[in-house]
PDB file of all heavy atoms in Angstrom:
ATOM      1  N   ALA A   1       1.843  -1.463  -2.977  1.00  0.00           N
ATOM      2  CA  ALA A   1       1.695  -0.980  -1.596  1.00  0.00           C
ATOM      3  C   ALA A   1       1.377   0.510  -1.567  1.00  0.00           C
ATOM      4  O   ALA A   1       0.452   0.952  -0.871  1.00  0.00           O
ATOM      5  CB  ALA A   1       2.970  -1.258  -0.801  1.00  0.00           C
ATOM      6  N   ALA A   2       2.117   1.292  -2.342  1.00  0.00           N
ATOM      7  CA  ALA A   2       1.922   2.747  -2.338  1.00  0.00           C
ATOM      8  C   ALA A   2       0.534   3.131  -2.854  1.00  0.00           C
ATOM      9  O   ALA A   2      -0.136   3.995  -2.275  1.00  0.00           O
ATOM     10  CB  ALA A   2       3.012   3.416  -3.176  1.00  0.00           C
ATOM     11  N   LYS A   3       0.082   2.491  -3.920  1.00  0.00           N
ATOM     12  CA  LYS A   3      -1.239   2.812  -4.479  1.00  0.00           C
ATOM     13  C   LYS A   3      -2.362   2.470  -3.518  1.00  0.00           C
ATOM     14  O   LYS A   3      -3.337   3.204  -3.402  1.00  0.00           O
ATOM     15  CB  LYS A   3      -1.460   2.063  -5.794  1.00  0.00           C
ATOM     16  CG  LYS A   3      -0.721   2.646  -6.955  1.00  0.00           C
ATOM     17  CD  LYS A   3      -0.998   1.831  -8.204  1.00  0.00           C
ATOM     18  CE  LYS A   3      -0.189   2.336  -9.370  1.00  0.00           C
ATOM     19  NZ  LYS A   3      -0.386   1.517 -10.567  1.00  0.00           N
ATOM     20  N   ARG A   4      -2.268   1.329  -2.844  1.00  0.00           N
ATOM     21  CA  ARG A   4      -3.356   0.913  -1.958  1.00  0.00           C
ATOM     22  C   ARG A   4      -3.392   1.731  -0.674  1.00  0.00           C
ATOM     23  O   ARG A   4      -4.448   1.931  -0.097  1.00  0.00           O
ATOM     24  CB  ARG A   4      -3.252  -0.578  -1.609  1.00  0.00           C
ATOM     25  CG  ARG A   4      -3.398  -1.543  -2.776  1.00  0.00           C
ATOM     26  CD  ARG A   4      -4.522  -1.174  -3.726  1.00  0.00           C
ATOM     27  NE  ARG A   4      -4.599  -2.007  -4.905  1.00  0.00           N
ATOM     28  CZ  ARG A   4      -3.980  -1.763  -6.048  1.00  0.00           C
ATOM     29  NH1 ARG A   4      -3.171  -0.739  -6.178  1.00  0.00           N
ATOM     30  NH2 ARG A   4      -4.160  -2.549  -7.096  1.00  0.00           N
ATOM     31  N   ALA A   5      -2.263   2.225  -0.238  1.00  0.00           N
ATOM     32  CA  ALA A   5      -2.217   2.955   1.032  1.00  0.00           C
ATOM     33  C   ALA A   5      -2.506   4.449   0.893  1.00  0.00           C
ATOM     34  O   ALA A   5      -2.922   5.085   1.851  1.00  0.00           O
ATOM     35  CB  ALA A   5      -0.846   2.759   1.687  1.00  0.00           C
ATOM     36  N   ARG A   6      -2.298   5.014  -0.287  1.00  0.00           N
ATOM     37  CA  ARG A   6      -2.496   6.462  -0.401  1.00  0.00           C
ATOM     38  C   ARG A   6      -3.983   6.808  -0.406  1.00  0.00           C
ATOM     39  O   ARG A   6      -4.820   6.049  -0.886  1.00  0.00           O
ATOM     40  CB  ARG A   6      -1.792   7.015  -1.620  1.00  0.00           C
ATOM     41  CG  ARG A   6      -2.432   6.693  -2.922  1.00  0.00           C
ATOM     42  CD  ARG A   6      -1.670   7.325  -4.075  1.00  0.00           C
ATOM     43  NE  ARG A   6      -2.266   6.892  -5.315  1.00  0.00           N
ATOM     44  CZ  ARG A   6      -1.594   6.564  -6.387  1.00  0.00           C
ATOM     45  NH1 ARG A   6      -0.284   6.632  -6.384  1.00  0.00           N
ATOM     46  NH2 ARG A   6      -2.222   6.179  -7.461  1.00  0.00           N
ATOM     47  N   ARG A   7      -4.285   7.978   0.137  1.00  0.00           N
ATOM     48  CA  ARG A   7      -5.675   8.415   0.226  1.00  0.00           C
ATOM     49  C   ARG A   7      -6.119   9.175  -1.007  1.00  0.00           C
ATOM     50  O   ARG A   7      -7.302   9.159  -1.346  1.00  0.00           O
ATOM     51  CB  ARG A   7      -5.856   9.266   1.476  1.00  0.00           C
ATOM     52  CG  ARG A   7      -5.796   8.410   2.720  1.00  0.00           C
ATOM     53  CD  ARG A   7      -5.872   9.169   3.995  1.00  0.00           C
ATOM     54  NE  ARG A   7      -6.898  10.185   3.995  1.00  0.00           N
ATOM     55  CZ  ARG A   7      -7.100  11.013   4.984  1.00  0.00           C
ATOM     56  NH1 ARG A   7      -6.363  10.921   6.062  1.00  0.00           N
ATOM     57  NH2 ARG A   7      -8.033  11.927   4.914  1.00  0.00           N
ATOM     58  N   TRP A   8      -5.187   9.866  -1.668  1.00  0.00           N
ATOM     59  CA  TRP A   8      -5.573  10.635  -2.846  1.00  0.00           C
ATOM     60  C   TRP A   8      -4.414  10.714  -3.814  1.00  0.00           C
ATOM     61  O   TRP A   8      -3.317  11.040  -3.374  1.00  0.00           O
ATOM     62  CB  TRP A   8      -5.997  12.039  -2.446  1.00  0.00           C
ATOM     63  CG  TRP A   8      -6.586  12.779  -3.596  1.00  0.00           C
ATOM     64  CD1 TRP A   8      -5.920  13.634  -4.420  1.00  0.00           C
ATOM     65  CD2 TRP A   8      -7.916  12.712  -4.067  1.00  0.00           C
ATOM     66  NE1 TRP A   8      -6.754  14.106  -5.379  1.00  0.00           N
ATOM     67  CE2 TRP A   8      -8.001  13.558  -5.181  1.00  0.00           C
ATOM     68  CE3 TRP A   8      -9.053  12.018  -3.676  1.00  0.00           C
ATOM     69  CZ2 TRP A   8      -9.174  13.728  -5.896  1.00  0.00           C
ATOM     70  CZ3 TRP A   8     -10.213  12.196  -4.371  1.00  0.00           C
ATOM     71  CH2 TRP A   8     -10.258  13.056  -5.469  1.00  0.00           C
ATOM     72  N   PRO A   9      -4.562  10.482  -5.096  1.00  0.00           N
ATOM     73  CA  PRO A   9      -5.725   9.814  -5.663  1.00  0.00           C
ATOM     74  C   PRO A   9      -5.703   8.350  -5.253  1.00  0.00           C
ATOM     75  O   PRO A   9      -4.643   7.763  -5.092  1.00  0.00           O
ATOM     76  CB  PRO A   9      -5.551   9.978  -7.167  1.00  0.00           C
ATOM     77  CG  PRO A   9      -4.068  10.087  -7.363  1.00  0.00           C
ATOM     78  CD  PRO A   9      -3.537  10.759  -6.118  1.00  0.00           C
ATOM     79  N   SER A  10      -6.841   7.775  -5.117  1.00  0.00           N
ATOM     80  CA  SER A  10      -6.952   6.414  -4.615  1.00  0.00           C
ATOM     81  C   SER A  10      -7.291   5.441  -5.736  1.00  0.00           C
ATOM     82  O   SER A  10      -7.323   5.810  -6.903  1.00  0.00           O
ATOM     83  CB  SER A  10      -8.021   6.369  -3.517  1.00  0.00           C
ATOM     84  OG  SER A  10      -7.947   5.146  -2.827  1.00  0.00           O
ATOM     85  N   THR A  11      -7.532   4.200  -5.348  1.00  0.00           N
ATOM     86  CA  THR A  11      -7.957   3.148  -6.267  1.00  0.00           C
ATOM     87  C   THR A  11      -9.247   2.555  -5.712  1.00  0.00           C
ATOM     88  O   THR A  11      -9.586   2.768  -4.547  1.00  0.00           O
ATOM     89  CB  THR A  11      -6.898   2.039  -6.363  1.00  0.00           C
ATOM     90  OG1 THR A  11      -6.771   1.423  -5.072  1.00  0.00           O
ATOM     91  CG2 THR A  11      -5.544   2.578  -6.809  1.00  0.00           C
ATOM     92  N   VAL A  12      -9.935   1.785  -6.526  1.00  0.00           N
ATOM     93  CA  VAL A  12     -11.145   1.111  -6.052  1.00  0.00           C
ATOM     94  C   VAL A  12     -10.807   0.261  -4.829  1.00  0.00           C
ATOM     95  O   VAL A  12     -11.468   0.345  -3.791  1.00  0.00           O
ATOM     96  CB  VAL A  12     -11.780   0.237  -7.158  1.00  0.00           C
ATOM     97  CG1 VAL A  12     -12.888  -0.647  -6.590  1.00  0.00           C
ATOM     98  CG2 VAL A  12     -12.318   1.104  -8.289  1.00  0.00           C
ATOM     99  N   ALA A  13      -9.758  -0.557  -4.936  1.00  0.00           N
ATOM    100  CA  ALA A  13      -9.382  -1.424  -3.815  1.00  0.00           C
ATOM    101  C   ALA A  13      -9.027  -0.607  -2.584  1.00  0.00           C
ATOM    102  O   ALA A  13      -9.437  -0.939  -1.473  1.00  0.00           O
ATOM    103  CB  ALA A  13      -8.222  -2.329  -4.211  1.00  0.00           C
ATOM    104  N   GLY A  14      -8.269   0.462  -2.762  1.00  0.00           N
ATOM    105  CA  GLY A  14      -7.889   1.294  -1.620  1.00  0.00           C
ATOM    106  C   GLY A  14      -9.090   1.876  -0.900  1.00  0.00           C
ATOM    107  O   GLY A  14      -9.141   1.919   0.331  1.00  0.00           O
ATOM    108  N   VAL A  15     -10.088   2.327  -1.653  1.00  0.00           N
ATOM    109  CA  VAL A  15     -11.296   2.895  -1.042  1.00  0.00           C
ATOM    110  C   VAL A  15     -12.096   1.810  -0.333  1.00  0.00           C
ATOM    111  O   VAL A  15     -12.485   1.968   0.823  1.00  0.00           O
ATOM    112  CB  VAL A  15     -12.172   3.613  -2.099  1.00  0.00           C
ATOM    113  CG1 VAL A  15     -13.516   4.008  -1.504  1.00  0.00           C
ATOM    114  CG2 VAL A  15     -11.451   4.843  -2.627  1.00  0.00           C
ATOM    115  N   VAL A  16     -12.331   0.687  -1.015  1.00  0.00           N
ATOM    116  CA  VAL A  16     -13.148  -0.376  -0.422  1.00  0.00           C
ATOM    117  C   VAL A  16     -12.458  -0.972   0.798  1.00  0.00           C
ATOM    118  O   VAL A  16     -13.068  -1.113   1.859  1.00  0.00           O
ATOM    119  CB  VAL A  16     -13.487  -1.461  -1.477  1.00  0.00           C
ATOM    120  CG1 VAL A  16     -14.169  -2.659  -0.832  1.00  0.00           C
ATOM    121  CG2 VAL A  16     -14.362  -0.870  -2.571  1.00  0.00           C
ATOM    122  N   TRP A  17     -11.182  -1.301   0.689  1.00  0.00           N
ATOM    123  CA  TRP A  17     -10.475  -1.886   1.825  1.00  0.00           C
ATOM    124  C   TRP A  17     -10.342  -0.888   2.959  1.00  0.00           C
ATOM    125  O   TRP A  17     -10.351  -1.253   4.132  1.00  0.00           O
ATOM    126  CB  TRP A  17      -9.100  -2.385   1.409  1.00  0.00           C
ATOM    127  CG  TRP A  17      -9.110  -3.426   0.330  1.00  0.00           C
ATOM    128  CD1 TRP A  17     -10.190  -4.154  -0.118  1.00  0.00           C
ATOM    129  CD2 TRP A  17      -8.005  -3.840  -0.458  1.00  0.00           C
ATOM    130  NE1 TRP A  17      -9.808  -5.003  -1.132  1.00  0.00           N
ATOM    131  CE2 TRP A  17      -8.474  -4.838  -1.359  1.00  0.00           C
ATOM    132  CE3 TRP A  17      -6.662  -3.485  -0.494  1.00  0.00           C
ATOM    133  CZ2 TRP A  17      -7.636  -5.470  -2.282  1.00  0.00           C
ATOM    134  CZ3 TRP A  17      -5.836  -4.103  -1.408  1.00  0.00           C
ATOM    135  CH2 TRP A  17      -6.315  -5.089  -2.290  1.00  0.00           C
ATOM    136  N   GLY A  18     -10.226   0.396   2.616  1.00  0.00           N
ATOM    137  CA  GLY A  18     -10.069   1.437   3.626  1.00  0.00           C
ATOM    138  C   GLY A  18     -11.289   1.628   4.506  1.00  0.00           C
ATOM    139  O   GLY A  18     -11.211   2.254   5.561  1.00  0.00           O
ATOM    140  N   VAL A  19     -12.424   1.099   4.105  1.00  0.00           N
ATOM    141  CA  VAL A  19     -13.628   1.151   4.939  1.00  0.00           C
ATOM    142  C   VAL A  19     -13.464   0.238   6.152  1.00  0.00           C
ATOM    143  O   VAL A  19     -13.951   0.531   7.235  1.00  0.00           O
ATOM    144  CB  VAL A  19     -14.871   0.745   4.110  1.00  0.00           C
ATOM    145  CG1 VAL A  19     -16.083   0.528   4.984  1.00  0.00           C
ATOM    146  CG2 VAL A  19     -15.163   1.809   3.072  1.00  0.00           C
ATOM    147  N   TRP A  20     -12.765  -0.881   5.972  1.00  0.00           N
ATOM    148  CA  TRP A  20     -12.614  -1.876   7.040  1.00  0.00           C
ATOM    149  C   TRP A  20     -11.268  -1.796   7.738  1.00  0.00           C
ATOM    150  O   TRP A  20     -11.155  -2.200   8.905  1.00  0.00           O
ATOM    151  CB  TRP A  20     -12.777  -3.298   6.474  1.00  0.00           C
ATOM    152  CG  TRP A  20     -13.802  -3.406   5.404  1.00  0.00           C
ATOM    153  CD1 TRP A  20     -13.598  -3.751   4.098  1.00  0.00           C
ATOM    154  CD2 TRP A  20     -15.206  -3.132   5.506  1.00  0.00           C
ATOM    155  NE1 TRP A  20     -14.792  -3.711   3.400  1.00  0.00           N
ATOM    156  CE2 TRP A  20     -15.788  -3.340   4.248  1.00  0.00           C
ATOM    157  CE3 TRP A  20     -16.024  -2.724   6.560  1.00  0.00           C
ATOM    158  CZ2 TRP A  20     -17.142  -3.157   4.004  1.00  0.00           C
ATOM    159  CZ3 TRP A  20     -17.378  -2.539   6.315  1.00  0.00           C
ATOM    160  CH2 TRP A  20     -17.925  -2.761   5.055  1.00  0.00           C
ATOM    161  N   TYR A  21     -10.230  -1.299   7.024  1.00  0.00           N
ATOM    162  CA  TYR A  21      -8.859  -1.324   7.542  1.00  0.00           C
ATOM    163  C   TYR A  21      -8.180   0.028   7.389  1.00  0.00           C
ATOM    164  O   TYR A  21      -8.423   0.739   6.419  1.00  0.00           O
ATOM    165  CB  TYR A  21      -8.010  -2.370   6.774  1.00  0.00           C
ATOM    166  CG  TYR A  21      -8.510  -3.772   6.949  1.00  0.00           C
ATOM    167  CD1 TYR A  21      -9.407  -4.324   6.048  1.00  0.00           C
ATOM    168  CD2 TYR A  21      -8.119  -4.532   8.045  1.00  0.00           C
ATOM    169  CE1 TYR A  21      -9.901  -5.604   6.221  1.00  0.00           C
ATOM    170  CE2 TYR A  21      -8.605  -5.813   8.222  1.00  0.00           C
ATOM    171  CZ  TYR A  21      -9.496  -6.342   7.311  1.00  0.00           C
ATOM    172  OH  TYR A  21      -9.984  -7.602   7.489  1.00  0.00           O
ATOM    173  N   GLU A  22      -7.313   0.352   8.339  1.00  0.00           N
ATOM    174  CA  GLU A  22      -6.369   1.461   8.180  1.00  0.00           C
ATOM    175  C   GLU A  22      -5.236   0.905   7.334  1.00  0.00           C
ATOM    176  O   GLU A  22      -4.617  -0.103   7.700  1.00  0.00           O
ATOM    177  CB  GLU A  22      -5.810   1.907   9.539  1.00  0.00           C
ATOM    178  CG  GLU A  22      -6.820   2.529  10.460  1.00  0.00           C
ATOM    179  CD  GLU A  22      -7.086   3.991  10.146  1.00  0.00           C
ATOM    180  OE1 GLU A  22      -6.332   4.583   9.334  1.00  0.00           O
ATOM    181  OE2 GLU A  22      -8.037   4.520  10.716  1.00  0.00           O
ATOM    182  N   LEU A  23      -4.966   1.520   6.191  1.00  0.00           N
ATOM    183  CA  LEU A  23      -3.925   1.046   5.284  1.00  0.00           C
ATOM    184  C   LEU A  23      -2.734   1.991   5.325  1.00  0.00           C
ATOM    185  O   LEU A  23      -2.900   3.211   5.281  1.00  0.00           O
ATOM    186  CB  LEU A  23      -4.465   0.964   3.855  1.00  0.00           C
ATOM    187  CG  LEU A  23      -5.669   0.041   3.651  1.00  0.00           C
ATOM    188  CD1 LEU A  23      -6.246   0.230   2.257  1.00  0.00           C
ATOM    189  CD2 LEU A  23      -5.296  -1.403   3.883  1.00  0.00           C
ATOM    190  N   SER A  24      -1.540   1.425   5.406  1.00  0.00           N
ATOM    191  CA  SER A  24      -0.332   2.253   5.413  1.00  0.00           C
ATOM    192  C   SER A  24       0.824   1.443   4.836  1.00  0.00           C
ATOM    193  O   SER A  24       0.742   0.223   4.703  1.00  0.00           O
ATOM    194  CB  SER A  24       0.015   2.708   6.838  1.00  0.00           C
ATOM    195  OG  SER A  24       0.285   1.588   7.668  1.00  0.00           O
ATOM    196  N   VAL A  25       1.886   2.143   4.495  1.00  0.00           N
ATOM    197  CA  VAL A  25       3.113   1.488   4.069  1.00  0.00           C
ATOM    198  C   VAL A  25       4.074   1.562   5.238  1.00  0.00           C
ATOM    199  O   VAL A  25       4.441   2.650   5.685  1.00  0.00           O
ATOM    200  CB  VAL A  25       3.717   2.159   2.816  1.00  0.00           C
ATOM    201  CG1 VAL A  25       5.039   1.507   2.450  1.00  0.00           C
ATOM    202  CG2 VAL A  25       2.748   2.087   1.643  1.00  0.00           C
ATOM    203  N   ALA A  26       4.448   0.404   5.754  1.00  0.00           N
ATOM    204  CA  ALA A  26       5.325   0.351   6.924  1.00  0.00           C
ATOM    205  C   ALA A  26       6.780   0.630   6.565  1.00  0.00           C
ATOM    206  O   ALA A  26       7.500   1.236   7.352  1.00  0.00           O
ATOM    207  CB  ALA A  26       5.204  -1.000   7.616  1.00  0.00           C
ATOM    208  N   ARG A  27       7.195   0.205   5.366  1.00  0.00           N
ATOM    209  CA  ARG A  27       8.578   0.462   4.931  1.00  0.00           C
ATOM    210  C   ARG A  27       8.767   0.067   3.478  1.00  0.00           C
ATOM    211  O   ARG A  27       8.003  -0.693   2.928  1.00  0.00           O
ATOM    212  CB  ARG A  27       9.586  -0.274   5.798  1.00  0.00           C
ATOM    213  CG  ARG A  27       9.531  -1.779   5.685  1.00  0.00           C
ATOM    214  CD  ARG A  27      10.631  -2.490   6.426  1.00  0.00           C
ATOM    215  NE  ARG A  27      10.996  -1.773   7.600  1.00  0.00           N
ATOM    216  CZ  ARG A  27      11.773  -2.229   8.553  1.00  0.00           C
ATOM    217  NH1 ARG A  27      12.251  -3.438   8.469  1.00  0.00           N
ATOM    218  NH2 ARG A  27      12.088  -1.510   9.593  1.00  0.00           N
ATOM    219  N   ARG A  28       9.807   0.624   2.908  1.00  0.00           N
ATOM    220  CA  ARG A  28      10.223   0.292   1.540  1.00  0.00           C
ATOM    221  C   ARG A  28      11.385  -0.689   1.660  1.00  0.00           C
ATOM    222  O   ARG A  28      12.268  -0.527   2.514  1.00  0.00           O
ATOM    223  CB  ARG A  28      10.653   1.560   0.810  1.00  0.00           C
ATOM    224  CG  ARG A  28      11.030   1.342  -0.635  1.00  0.00           C
ATOM    225  CD  ARG A  28      11.458   2.677  -1.269  1.00  0.00           C
ATOM    226  NE  ARG A  28      11.968   2.499  -2.592  1.00  0.00           N
ATOM    227  CZ  ARG A  28      11.258   2.666  -3.706  1.00  0.00           C
ATOM    228  NH1 ARG A  28      10.003   3.051  -3.627  1.00  0.00           N
ATOM    229  NH2 ARG A  28      11.799   2.476  -4.889  1.00  0.00           N
ATOM    230  N   LEU A  29      11.408  -1.688   0.797  1.00  0.00           N
ATOM    231  CA  LEU A  29      12.456  -2.708   0.814  1.00  0.00           C
ATOM    232  C   LEU A  29      13.150  -2.723  -0.542  1.00  0.00           C
ATOM    233  O   LEU A  29      12.531  -3.068  -1.550  1.00  0.00           O
ATOM    234  CB  LEU A  29      11.854  -4.084   1.106  1.00  0.00           C
ATOM    235  CG  LEU A  29      11.074  -4.204   2.414  1.00  0.00           C
ATOM    236  CD1 LEU A  29      10.281  -5.506   2.450  1.00  0.00           C
ATOM    237  CD2 LEU A  29      12.005  -4.113   3.596  1.00  0.00           C
ATOM    238  N   PRO A  30      14.425  -2.357  -0.614  1.00  0.00           N
ATOM    239  CA  PRO A  30      15.119  -2.326  -1.905  1.00  0.00           C
ATOM    240  C   PRO A  30      15.331  -3.743  -2.453  1.00  0.00           C
ATOM    241  O   PRO A  30      15.408  -4.712  -1.692  1.00  0.00           O
ATOM    242  CB  PRO A  30      16.450  -1.642  -1.586  1.00  0.00           C
ATOM    243  CG  PRO A  30      16.634  -1.776  -0.122  1.00  0.00           C
ATOM    244  CD  PRO A  30      15.275  -1.909   0.492  1.00  0.00           C
ATOM    245  N   PRO A  31      15.442  -3.868  -3.776  1.00  0.00           N
ATOM    246  CA  PRO A  31      15.580  -5.196  -4.413  1.00  0.00           C
ATOM    247  C   PRO A  31      16.752  -6.015  -3.881  1.00  0.00           C
ATOM    248  O   PRO A  31      16.666  -7.242  -3.811  1.00  0.00           O
ATOM    249  CB  PRO A  31      15.774  -4.869  -5.898  1.00  0.00           C
ATOM    250  CG  PRO A  31      15.199  -3.510  -6.080  1.00  0.00           C
ATOM    251  CD  PRO A  31      15.403  -2.795  -4.769  1.00  0.00           C
ATOM    252  N   GLU A  32      17.844  -5.345  -3.488  1.00  0.00           N
ATOM    253  CA  GLU A  32      19.036  -6.099  -3.071  1.00  0.00           C
ATOM    254  C   GLU A  32      18.838  -6.878  -1.768  1.00  0.00           C
ATOM    255  O   GLU A  32      19.672  -7.709  -1.405  1.00  0.00           O
ATOM    256  CB  GLU A  32      20.270  -5.190  -2.974  1.00  0.00           C
ATOM    257  CG  GLU A  32      20.132  -4.002  -2.067  1.00  0.00           C
ATOM    258  CD  GLU A  32      19.611  -2.755  -2.768  1.00  0.00           C
ATOM    259  OE1 GLU A  32      19.108  -2.844  -3.909  1.00  0.00           O
ATOM    260  OE2 GLU A  32      19.688  -1.683  -2.165  1.00  0.00           O
ATOM    261  N   LEU A  33      17.731  -6.669  -1.071  1.00  0.00           N
ATOM    262  CA  LEU A  33      17.457  -7.438   0.148  1.00  0.00           C
ATOM    263  C   LEU A  33      16.922  -8.832  -0.151  1.00  0.00           C
ATOM    264  O   LEU A  33      16.810  -9.656   0.751  1.00  0.00           O
ATOM    265  CB  LEU A  33      16.440  -6.707   1.025  1.00  0.00           C
ATOM    266  CG  LEU A  33      16.883  -5.380   1.630  1.00  0.00           C
ATOM    267  CD1 LEU A  33      15.760  -4.779   2.454  1.00  0.00           C
ATOM    268  CD2 LEU A  33      18.128  -5.570   2.481  1.00  0.00           C
ATOM    269  N   PHE A  34      16.581  -9.117  -1.411  1.00  0.00           N
ATOM    270  CA  PHE A  34      15.926 -10.371  -1.765  1.00  0.00           C
ATOM    271  C   PHE A  34      16.826 -11.282  -2.587  1.00  0.00           C
ATOM    272  O   PHE A  34      17.654 -10.813  -3.350  1.00  0.00           O
ATOM    273  CB  PHE A  34      14.654 -10.087  -2.574  1.00  0.00           C
ATOM    274  CG  PHE A  34      13.618  -9.323  -1.800  1.00  0.00           C
ATOM    275  CD1 PHE A  34      13.628  -7.931  -1.793  1.00  0.00           C
ATOM    276  CD2 PHE A  34      12.651  -9.988  -1.075  1.00  0.00           C
ATOM    277  CE1 PHE A  34      12.678  -7.220  -1.077  1.00  0.00           C
ATOM    278  CE2 PHE A  34      11.700  -9.290  -0.351  1.00  0.00           C
ATOM    279  CZ  PHE A  34      11.705  -7.900  -0.347  1.00  0.00           C
ATOM    280  N   VAL A  35      16.627 -12.580  -2.400  1.00  0.00           N
ATOM    281  CA  VAL A  35      17.291 -13.595  -3.214  1.00  0.00           C
ATOM    282  C   VAL A  35      16.209 -14.568  -3.665  1.00  0.00           C
ATOM    283  O   VAL A  35      15.536 -15.155  -2.815  1.00  0.00           O
ATOM    284  CB  VAL A  35      18.373 -14.344  -2.418  1.00  0.00           C
ATOM    285  CG1 VAL A  35      18.969 -15.470  -3.243  1.00  0.00           C
ATOM    286  CG2 VAL A  35      19.451 -13.394  -1.926  1.00  0.00           C
ATOM    287  N   PRO A  36      15.980 -14.715  -4.973  1.00  0.00           N
ATOM    288  CA  PRO A  36      16.604 -13.956  -6.047  1.00  0.00           C
ATOM    289  C   PRO A  36      16.124 -12.507  -6.039  1.00  0.00           C
ATOM    290  O   PRO A  36      15.033 -12.201  -5.555  1.00  0.00           O
ATOM    291  CB  PRO A  36      16.140 -14.676  -7.313  1.00  0.00           C
ATOM    292  CG  PRO A  36      14.870 -15.353  -6.922  1.00  0.00           C
ATOM    293  CD  PRO A  36      14.975 -15.671  -5.467  1.00  0.00           C
TER     294      PRO A  36
END
């Protein structure tokens, strides 16, 4: 999530997807919220 949403330095996917979509990270979720 962090790599795809950041503007610099970016990734190929982040640049290409960013042409069509505004990308952001809405929130971080710690591991203890999940089962397993």
